[in-house]
Amino acid sequence: MSAILEYFTLFDFFIGAALVGIFCCGLLDRETN
């Protein structure tokens, strides 16, 4: 059970990092244009 919990925590962290990256890229694009 703890292995599944660890997997989901890592998955959530990956999704969060991806969302932050997309958000930062969007802000940079807005500033450049």
C-alpha atoms as a PDB file:
ATOM      1  CA  MET A   1       0.000   0.000   0.000  1.00  0.00           C
ATOM      2  CA  SER A   2       2.817   2.412   0.872  1.00  0.00           C
ATOM      3  CA  ALA A   3       4.406   1.648  -2.516  1.00  0.00           C
ATOM      4  CA  ILE A   4       1.192   2.739  -4.273  1.00  0.00           C
ATOM      5  CA  LEU A   5       1.057   5.879  -2.129  1.00  0.00           C
ATOM      6  CA  GLU A   6       4.680   6.656  -3.005  1.00  0.00           C
ATOM      7  CA  TYR A   7       3.928   6.155  -6.714  1.00  0.00           C
ATOM      8  CA  PHE A   8       0.979   8.558  -6.604  1.00  0.00           C
ATOM      9  CA  THR A   9       3.022  11.159  -4.719  1.00  0.00           C
ATOM     10  CA  LEU A  10       5.742  10.967  -7.376  1.00  0.00           C
ATOM     11  CA  PHE A  11       3.079  11.146 -10.102  1.00  0.00           C
ATOM     12  CA  ASP A  12       1.493  14.239  -8.490  1.00  0.00           C
ATOM     13  CA  PHE A  13       4.926  15.870  -8.228  1.00  0.00           C
ATOM     14  CA  PHE A  14       5.557  15.190 -11.936  1.00  0.00           C
ATOM     15  CA  ILE A  15       2.188  16.694 -12.911  1.00  0.00           C
ATOM     16  CA  GLY A  16       2.843  19.732 -10.701  1.00  0.00           C
ATOM     17  CA  ALA A  17       6.279  20.280 -12.244  1.00  0.00           C
ATOM     18  CA  ALA A  18       4.803  19.993 -15.751  1.00  0.00           C
ATOM     19  CA  LEU A  19       2.041  22.500 -14.932  1.00  0.00           C
ATOM     20  CA  VAL A  20       4.558  24.965 -13.468  1.00  0.00           C
ATOM     21  CA  GLY A  21       6.763  24.582 -16.556  1.00  0.00           C
ATOM     22  CA  ILE A  22       3.837  25.202 -18.928  1.00  0.00           C
ATOM     23  CA  PHE A  23       2.717  28.192 -16.833  1.00  0.00           C
ATOM     24  CA  CYS A  24       6.233  29.714 -16.864  1.00  0.00           C
ATOM     25  CA  CYS A  25       6.532  29.143 -20.626  1.00  0.00           C
ATOM     26  CA  GLY A  26       3.186  30.895 -21.120  1.00  0.00           C
ATOM     27  CA  LEU A  27       4.333  33.901 -19.083  1.00  0.00           C
ATOM     28  CA  LEU A  28       7.602  34.091 -21.041  1.00  0.00           C
ATOM     29  CA  ASP A  29       5.706  33.912 -24.336  1.00  0.00           C
ATOM     30  CA  ARG A  30       3.377  36.696 -23.196  1.00  0.00           C
ATOM     31  CA  GLU A  31       6.328  38.915 -22.208  1.00  0.00           C
ATOM     32  CA  THR A  32       8.186  38.273 -25.472  1.00  0.00           C
ATOM     33  CA  ASN A  33       5.208  39.122 -27.682  1.00  0.00           C
END
